[in-house]
N, C-alpha and C. Protein backbone atom coordinates (compact mmCIF):
# COMPACT_ATOMS: atom_id res chain seq x y z
N UNK A 1 23.90 -26.05 -63.01
CA UNK A 1 24.92 -25.01 -63.05
C UNK A 1 24.75 -24.11 -61.83
N UNK A 2 25.82 -23.89 -61.14
CA UNK A 2 25.83 -23.01 -59.98
C UNK A 2 25.68 -21.57 -60.44
N UNK A 3 24.81 -20.82 -59.75
CA UNK A 3 24.57 -19.42 -60.14
C UNK A 3 24.83 -18.48 -58.97
N UNK A 4 25.33 -17.29 -59.30
CA UNK A 4 25.51 -16.26 -58.30
C UNK A 4 24.43 -15.19 -58.50
N UNK A 5 24.05 -14.56 -57.40
CA UNK A 5 23.02 -13.52 -57.45
C UNK A 5 23.65 -12.14 -57.32
N UNK A 6 24.59 -12.00 -56.39
CA UNK A 6 25.27 -10.73 -56.20
C UNK A 6 26.60 -10.97 -55.52
N UNK A 7 27.36 -9.90 -55.39
CA UNK A 7 28.69 -9.98 -54.80
C UNK A 7 29.01 -8.64 -54.15
N UNK A 8 29.99 -8.64 -53.29
CA UNK A 8 30.43 -7.40 -52.68
C UNK A 8 31.60 -7.64 -51.76
N UNK A 9 32.34 -6.58 -51.50
CA UNK A 9 33.47 -6.66 -50.59
C UNK A 9 32.95 -6.51 -49.17
N UNK A 10 33.37 -7.44 -48.30
CA UNK A 10 32.94 -7.44 -46.90
C UNK A 10 34.17 -7.54 -46.00
N UNK A 11 34.00 -7.13 -44.76
CA UNK A 11 35.12 -7.11 -43.82
C UNK A 11 34.88 -7.96 -42.58
N UNK A 12 33.68 -8.51 -42.43
CA UNK A 12 33.35 -9.22 -41.20
C UNK A 12 33.17 -10.73 -41.37
N UNK A 13 33.05 -11.21 -42.58
CA UNK A 13 32.78 -12.64 -42.77
C UNK A 13 33.99 -13.51 -42.43
N UNK A 14 35.17 -13.06 -42.81
CA UNK A 14 36.41 -13.80 -42.57
C UNK A 14 37.37 -12.89 -41.81
N UNK A 15 37.70 -13.23 -40.57
CA UNK A 15 38.59 -12.36 -39.78
C UNK A 15 39.93 -12.11 -40.48
N UNK A 16 40.37 -10.86 -40.41
CA UNK A 16 41.67 -10.42 -40.93
C UNK A 16 41.77 -10.47 -42.46
N UNK A 17 40.65 -10.61 -43.15
CA UNK A 17 40.67 -10.65 -44.61
C UNK A 17 39.72 -9.60 -45.18
N UNK A 18 40.08 -9.07 -46.32
CA UNK A 18 39.19 -8.24 -47.13
C UNK A 18 38.62 -9.20 -48.16
N UNK A 19 37.35 -9.48 -48.02
CA UNK A 19 36.75 -10.61 -48.71
C UNK A 19 35.75 -10.21 -49.78
N UNK A 20 35.90 -10.81 -50.95
CA UNK A 20 34.88 -10.71 -51.97
C UNK A 20 33.88 -11.83 -51.69
N UNK A 21 32.71 -11.44 -51.25
CA UNK A 21 31.65 -12.39 -50.90
C UNK A 21 30.74 -12.57 -52.11
N UNK A 22 30.51 -13.82 -52.50
CA UNK A 22 29.67 -14.13 -53.65
C UNK A 22 28.49 -14.95 -53.17
N UNK A 23 27.28 -14.39 -53.29
CA UNK A 23 26.06 -15.07 -52.85
C UNK A 23 25.55 -15.99 -53.95
N UNK A 24 25.40 -17.27 -53.60
CA UNK A 24 24.99 -18.29 -54.55
C UNK A 24 23.54 -18.70 -54.31
N UNK A 25 22.85 -19.00 -55.38
CA UNK A 25 21.43 -19.34 -55.28
C UNK A 25 21.20 -20.84 -55.26
N UNK A 26 19.92 -21.21 -55.22
CA UNK A 26 19.46 -22.60 -55.24
C UNK A 26 19.88 -23.35 -53.97
N UNK A 27 19.82 -22.67 -52.83
CA UNK A 27 20.22 -23.28 -51.56
C UNK A 27 19.24 -24.38 -51.17
N UNK A 28 19.73 -25.60 -50.98
CA UNK A 28 18.85 -26.69 -50.59
C UNK A 28 18.61 -26.75 -49.08
N UNK A 29 19.35 -25.97 -48.30
CA UNK A 29 19.26 -26.08 -46.83
C UNK A 29 17.96 -25.50 -46.28
N UNK A 30 17.52 -24.37 -46.81
CA UNK A 30 16.26 -23.72 -46.43
C UNK A 30 16.07 -23.65 -44.90
N UNK A 31 17.05 -23.07 -44.25
CA UNK A 31 17.02 -22.94 -42.79
C UNK A 31 15.85 -22.04 -42.36
N UNK A 32 15.03 -22.48 -41.42
CA UNK A 32 13.98 -21.59 -40.90
C UNK A 32 14.62 -20.33 -40.30
N UNK A 33 14.07 -19.18 -40.62
CA UNK A 33 14.62 -17.92 -40.12
C UNK A 33 15.75 -17.37 -40.97
N UNK A 34 16.04 -17.99 -42.09
CA UNK A 34 17.12 -17.55 -42.98
C UNK A 34 16.91 -16.09 -43.37
N UNK A 35 17.98 -15.30 -43.32
CA UNK A 35 17.89 -13.89 -43.68
C UNK A 35 18.03 -13.67 -45.18
N UNK A 36 18.30 -14.72 -45.94
CA UNK A 36 18.49 -14.59 -47.39
C UNK A 36 17.63 -15.60 -48.14
N UNK A 37 16.35 -15.62 -47.84
CA UNK A 37 15.47 -16.61 -48.46
C UNK A 37 15.41 -16.50 -49.98
N UNK A 38 15.72 -15.31 -50.52
CA UNK A 38 15.73 -15.17 -51.97
C UNK A 38 16.77 -16.10 -52.61
N UNK A 39 17.78 -16.53 -51.84
CA UNK A 39 18.80 -17.43 -52.37
C UNK A 39 18.33 -18.89 -52.43
N UNK A 40 17.12 -19.16 -51.95
CA UNK A 40 16.55 -20.50 -52.07
C UNK A 40 16.18 -20.78 -53.53
N UNK A 41 15.87 -19.73 -54.27
CA UNK A 41 15.43 -19.87 -55.66
C UNK A 41 16.63 -20.12 -56.58
N UNK A 42 16.35 -20.76 -57.70
CA UNK A 42 17.39 -21.01 -58.70
C UNK A 42 17.44 -19.80 -59.65
N UNK A 43 18.10 -18.73 -59.18
CA UNK A 43 18.14 -17.47 -59.91
C UNK A 43 19.59 -17.02 -60.10
N UNK A 44 19.79 -16.02 -60.91
CA UNK A 44 21.12 -15.44 -61.07
C UNK A 44 21.80 -15.86 -62.36
N UNK A 45 23.10 -15.59 -62.39
CA UNK A 45 23.93 -15.86 -63.56
C UNK A 45 24.91 -16.99 -63.24
N UNK A 46 25.26 -17.80 -64.24
CA UNK A 46 26.22 -18.89 -64.01
C UNK A 46 27.55 -18.37 -63.46
N UNK A 47 28.08 -19.08 -62.48
CA UNK A 47 29.38 -18.74 -61.91
C UNK A 47 30.41 -19.70 -62.51
N UNK A 48 31.24 -19.16 -63.36
CA UNK A 48 32.26 -19.95 -64.05
C UNK A 48 33.64 -19.38 -63.70
N UNK A 49 34.70 -20.11 -64.02
CA UNK A 49 36.03 -19.55 -63.82
C UNK A 49 36.22 -18.22 -64.56
N UNK A 50 35.62 -18.08 -65.75
CA UNK A 50 35.73 -16.83 -66.50
C UNK A 50 35.07 -15.68 -65.73
N UNK A 51 33.94 -15.94 -65.12
CA UNK A 51 33.26 -14.92 -64.32
C UNK A 51 34.11 -14.57 -63.10
N UNK A 52 34.70 -15.58 -62.45
CA UNK A 52 35.59 -15.32 -61.32
C UNK A 52 36.75 -14.43 -61.75
N UNK A 53 37.30 -14.68 -62.93
CA UNK A 53 38.39 -13.84 -63.44
C UNK A 53 37.95 -12.39 -63.61
N UNK A 54 36.72 -12.19 -64.08
CA UNK A 54 36.20 -10.82 -64.20
C UNK A 54 36.12 -10.16 -62.82
N UNK A 55 35.64 -10.90 -61.84
CA UNK A 55 35.54 -10.35 -60.48
C UNK A 55 36.93 -10.00 -59.94
N UNK A 56 37.88 -10.88 -60.15
CA UNK A 56 39.24 -10.65 -59.64
C UNK A 56 39.87 -9.44 -60.32
N UNK A 57 39.64 -9.28 -61.62
CA UNK A 57 40.13 -8.08 -62.31
C UNK A 57 39.46 -6.83 -61.76
N UNK A 58 38.16 -6.93 -61.50
CA UNK A 58 37.40 -5.78 -61.00
C UNK A 58 37.90 -5.32 -59.63
N UNK A 59 38.17 -6.26 -58.74
CA UNK A 59 38.55 -5.90 -57.37
C UNK A 59 40.05 -5.91 -57.14
N UNK A 60 40.78 -6.59 -58.01
CA UNK A 60 42.24 -6.57 -57.99
C UNK A 60 42.87 -6.76 -56.64
N UNK A 61 43.81 -5.89 -56.34
CA UNK A 61 44.58 -6.02 -55.09
C UNK A 61 43.80 -5.56 -53.87
N UNK A 62 42.54 -5.15 -54.04
CA UNK A 62 41.73 -4.71 -52.90
C UNK A 62 41.27 -5.88 -52.03
N UNK A 63 41.30 -7.10 -52.58
CA UNK A 63 40.79 -8.25 -51.82
C UNK A 63 41.92 -9.22 -51.49
N UNK A 64 41.72 -9.96 -50.39
CA UNK A 64 42.68 -10.99 -49.99
C UNK A 64 42.04 -12.38 -49.97
N UNK A 65 40.71 -12.41 -50.14
CA UNK A 65 39.98 -13.67 -49.98
C UNK A 65 38.72 -13.64 -50.84
N UNK A 66 38.33 -14.80 -51.34
CA UNK A 66 37.04 -14.96 -52.02
C UNK A 66 36.23 -15.96 -51.20
N UNK A 67 34.99 -15.56 -50.87
CA UNK A 67 34.14 -16.43 -50.06
C UNK A 67 32.88 -16.79 -50.83
N UNK A 68 32.66 -18.07 -50.99
CA UNK A 68 31.44 -18.57 -51.59
C UNK A 68 30.39 -18.70 -50.50
N UNK A 69 29.32 -17.95 -50.64
CA UNK A 69 28.24 -17.96 -49.65
C UNK A 69 27.16 -18.89 -50.17
N UNK A 70 27.21 -20.14 -49.75
CA UNK A 70 26.28 -21.15 -50.24
C UNK A 70 26.98 -22.05 -51.24
N UNK A 71 26.17 -22.62 -52.13
CA UNK A 71 26.71 -23.58 -53.08
C UNK A 71 26.50 -25.01 -52.65
N UNK A 72 25.68 -25.19 -51.61
CA UNK A 72 25.45 -26.53 -51.08
C UNK A 72 24.76 -27.46 -52.07
N UNK A 73 24.13 -26.92 -53.10
CA UNK A 73 23.51 -27.76 -54.13
C UNK A 73 24.57 -28.41 -55.02
N UNK A 74 25.77 -27.81 -55.08
CA UNK A 74 26.83 -28.33 -55.94
C UNK A 74 28.19 -28.22 -55.25
N UNK A 75 28.40 -28.95 -54.16
CA UNK A 75 29.66 -28.81 -53.41
C UNK A 75 30.91 -29.19 -54.19
N UNK A 76 30.81 -30.16 -55.09
CA UNK A 76 31.99 -30.55 -55.88
C UNK A 76 32.39 -29.40 -56.79
N UNK A 77 31.42 -28.69 -57.33
CA UNK A 77 31.72 -27.54 -58.19
C UNK A 77 32.38 -26.43 -57.39
N UNK A 78 31.90 -26.19 -56.17
CA UNK A 78 32.54 -25.20 -55.28
C UNK A 78 33.99 -25.61 -55.04
N UNK A 79 34.21 -26.89 -54.80
CA UNK A 79 35.57 -27.39 -54.59
C UNK A 79 36.44 -27.14 -55.82
N UNK A 80 35.88 -27.38 -57.01
CA UNK A 80 36.64 -27.14 -58.24
C UNK A 80 36.99 -25.66 -58.41
N UNK A 81 36.05 -24.77 -58.04
CA UNK A 81 36.34 -23.33 -58.12
C UNK A 81 37.43 -22.93 -57.12
N UNK A 82 37.39 -23.51 -55.93
CA UNK A 82 38.43 -23.23 -54.92
C UNK A 82 39.80 -23.65 -55.44
N UNK A 83 39.84 -24.83 -56.03
CA UNK A 83 41.10 -25.34 -56.58
C UNK A 83 41.59 -24.43 -57.71
N UNK A 84 40.67 -23.97 -58.53
CA UNK A 84 41.01 -23.06 -59.64
C UNK A 84 41.61 -21.76 -59.09
N UNK A 85 40.97 -21.17 -58.11
CA UNK A 85 41.47 -19.91 -57.55
C UNK A 85 42.87 -20.10 -56.98
N UNK A 86 43.08 -21.17 -56.22
CA UNK A 86 44.41 -21.40 -55.64
C UNK A 86 45.47 -21.62 -56.73
N UNK A 87 45.09 -22.28 -57.80
CA UNK A 87 46.05 -22.53 -58.87
C UNK A 87 46.38 -21.26 -59.64
N UNK A 88 45.36 -20.48 -59.98
CA UNK A 88 45.55 -19.30 -60.82
C UNK A 88 45.89 -18.03 -60.04
N UNK A 89 45.52 -17.99 -58.78
CA UNK A 89 45.73 -16.80 -57.94
C UNK A 89 46.19 -17.24 -56.54
N UNK A 90 47.39 -17.75 -56.43
CA UNK A 90 47.87 -18.30 -55.16
C UNK A 90 47.94 -17.27 -54.02
N UNK A 91 47.86 -15.99 -54.36
CA UNK A 91 47.87 -14.94 -53.33
C UNK A 91 46.51 -14.78 -52.65
N UNK A 92 45.45 -15.35 -53.24
CA UNK A 92 44.10 -15.22 -52.67
C UNK A 92 43.76 -16.43 -51.81
N UNK A 93 43.08 -16.15 -50.73
CA UNK A 93 42.55 -17.22 -49.89
C UNK A 93 41.14 -17.53 -50.35
N UNK A 94 40.67 -18.73 -50.03
CA UNK A 94 39.33 -19.16 -50.44
C UNK A 94 38.56 -19.64 -49.22
N UNK A 95 37.34 -19.13 -49.11
CA UNK A 95 36.46 -19.50 -47.99
C UNK A 95 35.14 -20.02 -48.55
N UNK A 96 34.49 -20.85 -47.75
CA UNK A 96 33.18 -21.39 -48.13
C UNK A 96 32.27 -21.37 -46.91
N UNK A 97 31.14 -20.70 -47.04
CA UNK A 97 30.10 -20.72 -46.02
C UNK A 97 29.06 -21.74 -46.45
N UNK A 98 29.00 -22.85 -45.75
CA UNK A 98 28.05 -23.91 -46.06
C UNK A 98 27.00 -23.99 -44.96
N UNK A 99 25.78 -24.28 -45.34
CA UNK A 99 24.72 -24.47 -44.37
C UNK A 99 24.59 -25.91 -43.90
N UNK A 100 25.45 -26.76 -44.38
CA UNK A 100 25.42 -28.17 -43.98
C UNK A 100 26.07 -28.36 -42.61
N UNK A 101 25.73 -29.45 -41.96
CA UNK A 101 26.28 -29.74 -40.64
C UNK A 101 27.72 -30.24 -40.72
N UNK A 102 28.11 -30.75 -41.89
CA UNK A 102 29.49 -31.22 -42.07
C UNK A 102 29.87 -31.06 -43.54
N UNK A 103 31.16 -31.06 -43.78
CA UNK A 103 31.67 -30.94 -45.15
C UNK A 103 31.41 -32.28 -45.86
N UNK A 104 30.80 -32.25 -47.04
CA UNK A 104 30.54 -33.50 -47.76
C UNK A 104 31.83 -34.27 -48.04
N UNK A 105 31.74 -35.58 -48.03
CA UNK A 105 32.92 -36.42 -48.27
C UNK A 105 33.47 -36.25 -49.69
N UNK A 106 32.68 -35.70 -50.59
CA UNK A 106 33.12 -35.48 -51.97
C UNK A 106 33.97 -34.22 -52.12
N UNK A 107 34.13 -33.46 -51.03
CA UNK A 107 34.89 -32.20 -51.04
C UNK A 107 36.23 -32.40 -50.35
N UNK A 108 37.26 -31.85 -50.95
CA UNK A 108 38.60 -31.87 -50.33
C UNK A 108 38.75 -30.59 -49.51
N UNK A 109 38.61 -30.73 -48.19
CA UNK A 109 38.64 -29.55 -47.31
C UNK A 109 39.91 -28.73 -47.48
N UNK A 110 41.02 -29.39 -47.76
CA UNK A 110 42.28 -28.67 -47.83
C UNK A 110 42.39 -27.75 -49.05
N UNK A 111 41.39 -27.77 -49.93
CA UNK A 111 41.36 -26.82 -51.04
C UNK A 111 40.83 -25.46 -50.58
N UNK A 112 40.45 -25.37 -49.31
CA UNK A 112 39.91 -24.13 -48.75
C UNK A 112 40.82 -23.64 -47.62
N UNK A 113 40.85 -22.33 -47.43
CA UNK A 113 41.58 -21.74 -46.31
C UNK A 113 40.67 -21.55 -45.10
N UNK A 114 39.37 -21.38 -45.37
CA UNK A 114 38.36 -21.22 -44.32
C UNK A 114 37.11 -21.98 -44.74
N UNK A 115 36.46 -22.61 -43.77
CA UNK A 115 35.18 -23.26 -44.02
C UNK A 115 34.27 -22.99 -42.84
N UNK A 116 33.09 -22.44 -43.14
CA UNK A 116 32.05 -22.27 -42.12
C UNK A 116 31.00 -23.33 -42.39
N UNK A 117 30.66 -24.09 -41.35
CA UNK A 117 29.62 -25.09 -41.49
C UNK A 117 28.56 -24.88 -40.42
N UNK A 118 27.39 -25.39 -40.71
CA UNK A 118 26.29 -25.35 -39.76
C UNK A 118 25.08 -24.61 -40.30
N UNK A 119 23.92 -25.22 -40.18
CA UNK A 119 22.70 -24.53 -40.59
C UNK A 119 22.40 -23.41 -39.60
N UNK A 120 21.67 -22.42 -40.07
CA UNK A 120 21.23 -21.36 -39.17
C UNK A 120 20.07 -21.90 -38.34
N UNK A 121 20.22 -21.87 -37.03
CA UNK A 121 19.16 -22.27 -36.11
C UNK A 121 18.86 -21.05 -35.25
N UNK A 122 17.70 -20.47 -35.50
CA UNK A 122 17.37 -19.16 -34.96
C UNK A 122 17.64 -19.03 -33.46
N UNK A 123 17.18 -19.98 -32.65
CA UNK A 123 17.34 -19.84 -31.20
C UNK A 123 18.80 -20.00 -30.74
N UNK A 124 19.66 -20.52 -31.61
CA UNK A 124 21.09 -20.62 -31.27
C UNK A 124 21.89 -19.42 -31.77
N UNK A 125 21.34 -18.73 -32.77
CA UNK A 125 21.98 -17.52 -33.28
C UNK A 125 23.04 -17.79 -34.33
N UNK A 126 23.60 -16.69 -34.82
CA UNK A 126 24.63 -16.76 -35.87
C UNK A 126 26.02 -16.82 -35.24
N UNK A 127 27.05 -16.70 -36.06
CA UNK A 127 28.43 -16.83 -35.59
C UNK A 127 28.80 -15.89 -34.45
N UNK A 128 28.18 -14.71 -34.39
CA UNK A 128 28.57 -13.77 -33.34
C UNK A 128 28.00 -14.12 -31.97
N UNK A 129 27.12 -15.10 -31.91
CA UNK A 129 26.52 -15.53 -30.64
C UNK A 129 27.30 -16.73 -30.07
N UNK A 130 27.61 -16.67 -28.80
CA UNK A 130 28.33 -17.77 -28.16
C UNK A 130 27.54 -19.08 -28.18
N UNK A 131 26.24 -19.00 -28.33
CA UNK A 131 25.39 -20.18 -28.32
C UNK A 131 25.26 -20.84 -29.71
N UNK A 132 25.87 -20.27 -30.72
CA UNK A 132 25.70 -20.75 -32.09
C UNK A 132 26.17 -22.19 -32.28
N UNK A 133 25.51 -22.88 -33.17
CA UNK A 133 25.95 -24.20 -33.60
C UNK A 133 26.89 -24.09 -34.79
N UNK A 134 26.92 -22.93 -35.43
CA UNK A 134 27.77 -22.73 -36.60
C UNK A 134 29.23 -22.58 -36.17
N UNK A 135 30.13 -23.02 -37.02
CA UNK A 135 31.55 -22.95 -36.72
C UNK A 135 32.32 -22.50 -37.95
N UNK A 136 33.31 -21.61 -37.71
CA UNK A 136 34.22 -21.20 -38.78
C UNK A 136 35.58 -21.79 -38.47
N UNK A 137 36.12 -22.52 -39.44
CA UNK A 137 37.42 -23.16 -39.29
C UNK A 137 38.42 -22.53 -40.24
N UNK A 138 39.65 -22.39 -39.75
CA UNK A 138 40.76 -21.87 -40.54
C UNK A 138 41.77 -22.98 -40.75
N UNK A 139 42.25 -23.09 -41.97
CA UNK A 139 43.26 -24.10 -42.28
C UNK A 139 44.52 -23.83 -41.46
N UNK A 140 45.01 -24.87 -40.85
CA UNK A 140 46.24 -24.77 -40.04
C UNK A 140 47.32 -25.60 -40.75
N UNK A 141 48.23 -26.14 -40.04
CA UNK A 141 49.30 -26.93 -40.62
C UNK A 141 48.75 -28.24 -41.20
N UNK A 142 49.30 -28.62 -42.35
CA UNK A 142 48.90 -29.89 -42.98
C UNK A 142 47.43 -29.91 -43.33
N UNK A 143 46.76 -30.96 -42.91
CA UNK A 143 45.33 -31.12 -43.18
C UNK A 143 44.46 -30.64 -42.03
N UNK A 144 45.06 -30.06 -41.00
CA UNK A 144 44.31 -29.65 -39.81
C UNK A 144 43.61 -28.31 -40.01
N UNK A 145 42.51 -28.16 -39.32
CA UNK A 145 41.76 -26.90 -39.28
C UNK A 145 41.55 -26.52 -37.82
N UNK A 146 41.58 -25.22 -37.55
CA UNK A 146 41.38 -24.69 -36.21
C UNK A 146 40.06 -23.95 -36.15
N UNK A 147 39.29 -24.19 -35.11
CA UNK A 147 38.01 -23.50 -34.91
C UNK A 147 38.31 -22.08 -34.46
N UNK A 148 37.91 -21.09 -35.28
CA UNK A 148 38.14 -19.68 -34.94
C UNK A 148 36.83 -18.94 -34.70
N UNK A 149 35.77 -19.67 -34.44
CA UNK A 149 34.45 -19.06 -34.22
C UNK A 149 34.49 -18.01 -33.14
N UNK A 150 35.27 -18.23 -32.11
CA UNK A 150 35.31 -17.28 -30.98
C UNK A 150 35.81 -15.91 -31.40
N UNK A 151 36.44 -15.80 -32.55
CA UNK A 151 36.90 -14.49 -33.04
C UNK A 151 35.72 -13.54 -33.31
N UNK A 152 34.53 -14.09 -33.48
CA UNK A 152 33.34 -13.28 -33.74
C UNK A 152 32.68 -12.78 -32.46
N UNK A 153 33.04 -13.37 -31.33
CA UNK A 153 32.38 -13.04 -30.07
C UNK A 153 33.01 -11.81 -29.45
N UNK A 154 32.17 -10.89 -29.00
CA UNK A 154 32.69 -9.72 -28.31
C UNK A 154 33.05 -10.11 -26.89
N UNK A 155 34.03 -9.47 -26.39
CA UNK A 155 34.53 -9.80 -25.03
C UNK A 155 33.58 -9.32 -23.97
């Protein structure tokens, strides 16, 4: 069962969105230098559609996007939650921050509006560094996604 540890509204994870960020535990990636090593443990409370509904009621019209931070231990379940949000709350966008190098073949990318992929590699830096290996993609027309990583880079 996928578990969440904490949540909060953020403004920098997804450009142009007010995002409810949900930190998920039991991360199998275990990137060296990870800033959230506590998420490696299998801790927290189960994340179910009912819990998502509570979060959506709590934050209401203040958010435009829900971002799953992790969930790499259960990508199909993340996909099911994304599909649920789009079906029940079509006004909300759905994002997924994955530490994997690519989206698993068991996941339907088009169920997401944004997908960040790539493990954290300390010497390459995070999304705000031009040298990063991580990439944030935004859903474009049809099944296409556009790399918007450069939106994080300062001029």
